[in-house]
Protein backbone atom coordinates (compact mmCIF):
# COMPACT_ATOMS: atom_id res chain seq x y z
CA MET A 1 219.84 38.21 42.37
CA ASN A 2 217.27 39.30 39.60
CA THR A 3 214.67 42.23 40.03
CA GLN A 4 211.68 39.59 40.52
CA ALA A 5 213.48 37.62 42.92
CA GLN A 6 214.36 40.77 45.00
CA LEU A 7 210.53 41.84 44.80
CA LEU A 8 209.55 38.53 46.27
CA ARG A 9 212.12 38.60 48.81
CA TRP A 10 211.01 42.11 49.96
CA THR A 11 207.31 41.18 49.94
CA ILE A 12 208.01 38.33 52.51
CA VAL A 13 210.45 40.55 54.73
CA MET A 14 208.02 43.35 54.83
CA ALA A 15 204.94 40.91 55.78
CA ILE A 16 207.25 39.39 58.56
CA PHE A 17 208.31 42.89 59.64
CA LEU A 18 204.71 44.08 59.78
CA VAL A 19 203.73 40.72 61.99
CA VAL A 20 206.64 41.10 64.62
CA THR A 21 205.78 45.04 64.90
CA ASN A 22 202.19 44.56 65.51
CA THR A 23 202.68 41.59 67.76
CA ALA A 24 204.68 44.00 70.14
CA ILE A 25 201.87 46.74 70.45
CA ALA A 26 198.91 44.31 70.03
CA GLN A 27 195.85 45.12 72.64
CA GLU A 28 194.31 42.64 74.70
CA THR A 29 191.05 42.45 72.82
CA TYR A 30 190.58 42.41 69.00
CA PRO A 31 188.22 41.22 66.63
CA SER A 32 187.73 37.42 66.18
CA SER A 33 188.86 35.38 63.21
CA LYS A 34 186.28 34.97 60.62
CA PHE A 35 185.51 33.37 57.14
CA GLY A 36 184.46 35.01 54.13
CA ILE A 37 183.69 34.75 50.31
CA ARG A 38 185.02 37.03 47.54
CA ALA A 39 184.55 37.37 43.76
CA GLY A 40 185.05 40.12 41.10
CA GLY A 41 186.64 40.87 38.08
CA ASN A 42 190.38 40.92 36.64
CA ALA A 43 192.32 42.53 33.81
CA ASN A 44 194.89 40.21 32.60
CA SER A 45 198.13 40.23 30.27
CA TRP A 46 201.49 38.71 29.68
CA THR A 47 204.57 40.82 29.55
CA ASN A 48 208.06 40.49 28.17
CA GLU A 49 208.59 38.28 25.21
CA PHE A 50 205.83 37.39 22.81
CA PRO A 51 204.99 33.83 22.19
CA ALA A 52 204.34 32.37 18.65
CA LEU A 53 200.93 30.98 17.82
CA GLU A 54 200.44 28.12 15.01
CA PHE A 55 197.98 28.93 12.41
CA GLU A 56 197.86 26.58 9.07
CA GLY A 57 201.35 25.42 9.64
CA SER A 58 203.08 28.89 10.13
CA LEU A 59 203.95 30.60 13.50
CA ILE A 60 202.55 34.01 14.09
CA TYR A 61 204.68 36.24 16.23
CA PRO A 62 202.38 39.17 17.91
CA ASP A 63 203.28 42.73 17.57
CA SER A 64 201.55 43.90 20.82
CA TRP A 65 199.72 42.57 23.99
CA LYS A 66 196.12 42.99 24.44
CA VAL A 67 194.33 43.30 27.92
CA HIS A 68 192.21 39.88 28.51
CA MET A 69 189.28 40.25 31.23
CA GLY A 70 188.65 37.50 33.59
CA GLY A 71 186.97 36.79 36.79
CA HIS A 72 187.74 35.24 40.10
CA ALA A 73 185.82 33.72 42.96
CA GLY A 74 186.91 31.87 46.20
CA ILE A 75 186.91 31.97 49.99
CA TYR A 76 189.26 33.18 52.76
CA PHE A 77 189.84 33.20 56.25
CA ASN A 78 190.58 36.18 58.12
CA ILE A 79 192.91 35.44 61.22
CA ARG A 80 193.30 38.31 63.47
CA LEU A 81 196.76 38.62 64.84
CA SER A 82 195.93 41.78 66.55
CA GLN A 83 193.74 44.81 66.32
CA LEU A 84 195.52 46.09 63.30
CA VAL A 85 196.89 43.03 61.50
CA ALA A 86 195.34 39.96 60.14
CA LEU A 87 196.86 37.07 58.40
CA GLU A 88 194.45 35.88 55.26
CA PRO A 89 194.76 32.71 53.71
CA GLY A 90 192.58 31.91 50.79
CA ILE A 91 191.75 29.85 47.87
CA MET A 92 190.27 31.21 44.61
CA TYR A 93 189.40 30.03 41.04
CA THR A 94 190.75 32.57 38.55
CA ALA A 95 190.44 33.03 34.78
CA LYS A 96 193.59 34.69 33.47
CA GLY A 97 195.32 34.97 30.16
CA THR A 98 196.00 37.34 27.46
CA GLY A 99 195.26 38.88 24.06
CA ALA A 100 197.77 39.42 21.30
CA ILE A 101 197.55 41.53 18.02
CA LEU A 102 199.62 40.82 14.88
CA THR A 103 199.33 43.36 11.70
CA ASP A 104 200.90 42.21 8.69
CA GLY A 105 200.54 43.53 5.08
CA GLY A 106 196.84 44.89 5.88
CA VAL A 107 195.81 41.67 7.59
CA THR A 108 195.00 41.69 11.37
CA ALA A 109 195.05 38.79 13.59
CA GLU A 110 194.09 38.65 17.25
CA GLY A 111 194.84 35.97 19.60
CA THR A 112 193.31 35.17 22.90
CA ILE A 113 194.64 32.77 25.41
CA ASN A 114 192.33 31.72 28.07
CA SER A 115 194.11 30.29 31.13
CA ASN A 116 192.32 28.92 34.23
CA TYR A 117 194.19 28.67 37.67
CA ILE A 118 193.61 27.81 41.15
CA ASP A 119 195.22 30.68 43.38
CA PHE A 120 196.17 30.27 46.93
CA PRO A 121 196.97 33.64 48.39
CA LEU A 122 198.51 34.25 51.59
CA TYR A 123 197.86 38.08 52.35
CA LEU A 124 199.03 40.17 55.62
CA ARG A 125 196.38 42.81 55.89
CA LEU A 126 196.96 45.92 57.68
CA TYR A 127 194.11 47.91 59.17
CA VAL A 128 194.85 51.51 58.91
CA ALA A 129 191.90 53.45 60.04
CA ASN A 130 188.11 53.25 59.85
CA GLY A 131 187.92 50.28 57.74
CA PHE A 132 190.61 51.08 55.31
CA ASN A 133 193.36 48.36 54.97
CA ILE A 134 196.41 47.44 52.65
CA TYR A 135 197.34 43.86 52.00
CA ILE A 136 200.57 42.26 50.92
CA GLY A 137 201.78 38.81 50.33
CA PRO A 138 202.67 35.73 48.26
CA GLN A 139 200.46 34.14 45.98
CA PHE A 140 200.81 30.41 44.87
CA SER A 141 198.97 29.33 41.77
CA TYR A 142 198.35 25.93 39.78
CA HIS A 143 197.59 26.16 36.27
CA VAL A 144 194.26 23.98 35.40
CA ASN A 145 193.81 24.24 31.64
CA SER A 146 194.07 26.63 28.58
CA ASN A 147 192.91 27.26 25.12
CA PHE A 148 193.06 29.83 22.60
CA ASP A 149 191.22 31.39 19.89
CA ILE A 150 192.48 33.29 16.64
CA GLU A 151 190.49 35.93 14.57
CA VAL A 152 191.71 37.01 11.36
CA ASP A 153 190.09 40.26 10.17
CA GLY A 154 187.20 39.69 12.32
CA THR A 155 186.60 36.05 11.09
CA LYS A 156 187.40 33.62 13.80
CA VAL A 157 189.68 30.82 12.39
CA ILE A 158 190.53 28.87 15.58
CA ASP A 159 188.08 28.61 18.46
CA GLY A 160 188.82 26.90 21.64
CA GLU A 161 191.98 25.02 20.62
CA ASP A 162 193.59 23.35 23.78
CA THR A 163 196.91 24.67 24.72
CA THR A 164 197.12 23.41 28.26
CA ASN A 165 200.42 21.53 27.90
CA THR A 166 202.40 24.73 26.53
CA ILE A 167 201.55 26.74 29.77
CA SER A 168 203.70 26.25 33.00
CA GLU A 169 201.85 24.21 35.48
CA PHE A 170 202.81 26.52 38.43
CA ASP A 171 203.36 30.11 39.05
CA ILE A 172 204.21 32.45 42.28
CA ALA A 173 203.65 36.11 42.60
CA PRO A 174 203.98 38.98 45.00
CA VAL A 175 200.35 40.57 45.48
CA LEU A 176 199.93 43.91 46.80
CA GLY A 177 196.27 45.96 47.29
CA ILE A 178 194.33 48.16 49.22
CA GLY A 179 190.64 47.45 50.55
CA TYR A 180 187.92 48.72 52.71
CA GLU A 181 185.67 46.72 54.88
CA PHE A 182 182.20 48.18 56.12
CA ASP A 183 180.85 47.27 59.64
CA SER A 184 178.27 44.87 57.94
CA GLY A 185 181.15 42.68 56.81
CA LEU A 186 180.93 43.72 53.15
CA ASN A 187 184.40 44.85 51.68
CA ILE A 188 186.09 45.79 48.46
CA SER A 189 189.64 45.65 47.42
CA LEU A 190 191.71 46.53 44.47
CA GLY A 191 195.08 44.89 43.95
CA GLY A 192 197.63 43.48 41.31
CA GLU A 193 199.78 40.55 41.18
CA LEU A 194 203.24 39.91 39.29
CA GLY A 195 204.06 36.76 38.15
CA LEU A 196 207.61 35.56 38.75
CA LEU A 197 207.71 32.35 36.88
CA SER A 198 207.38 32.29 33.01
CA VAL A 199 204.10 30.98 31.84
CA ASP A 200 205.77 29.30 28.79
CA GLY A 201 205.84 25.80 29.66
CA ILE A 202 208.11 24.84 26.75
CA GLY A 203 210.97 26.95 28.17
CA ASN A 204 211.53 29.00 25.22
CA LEU A 205 210.63 32.50 26.46
CA SER A 206 210.52 34.64 29.55
CA THR A 207 206.74 35.50 29.50
CA PHE A 208 205.02 36.50 32.85
CA ASN A 209 201.26 36.96 34.39
CA ARG A 210 200.28 40.27 35.06
CA ASN A 211 196.92 40.86 36.66
CA ILE A 212 194.80 43.79 38.17
CA ARG A 213 191.79 42.71 40.23
CA PHE A 214 188.90 44.26 41.85
CA SER A 215 186.94 42.34 44.25
CA ILE A 216 183.79 42.43 46.33
CA GLY A 217 183.35 40.20 49.34
CA TYR A 218 181.70 39.29 52.61
CA THR A 219 182.96 38.31 55.94
CA PHE A 220 180.58 36.40 58.07
């Protein structure tokens, strides 16, 4: 079993363990389940093998990845299982992607791939103390569309070329993060995802989504 599959397995095992343990010690009275909204920014990249970008009939192979900034917004439902644990399904629209850089013979080319996803996270949130919490769980993602831009020595030569069909339609990722919830319902969180399915829809490469996100939310 590869490392990524083991990571997903242990994420699910840990989530089940927390549910079972907390059910055993749950108090009779705990906060009610509530609906919330969440939005924020994310730093995205791909990892592992580099894809080739086509320009004027030639294939461009990048030398390094570049962080690509995006955003996300969505809703969630915080289902309290006990005083300390909540199950939190949600749905978010997330702008992901990556940037790539190639330097050859004094010429620098920068490519940006913009990918839009609908994410379906299912977090198990453990409330530690005084509003502080940690969360863990799987996230299922559906790829909506993608396009790419290319700049050569600062001049944009390709702008918004559709590349939807070259990106995998689905992804799954373990997600881990920390958060803090104020008495008012306002909450903040910082987390990351590790995509387990290659984003290469053609099947030539093993290239994966990586994402660090900061969110601000409000629980009603």
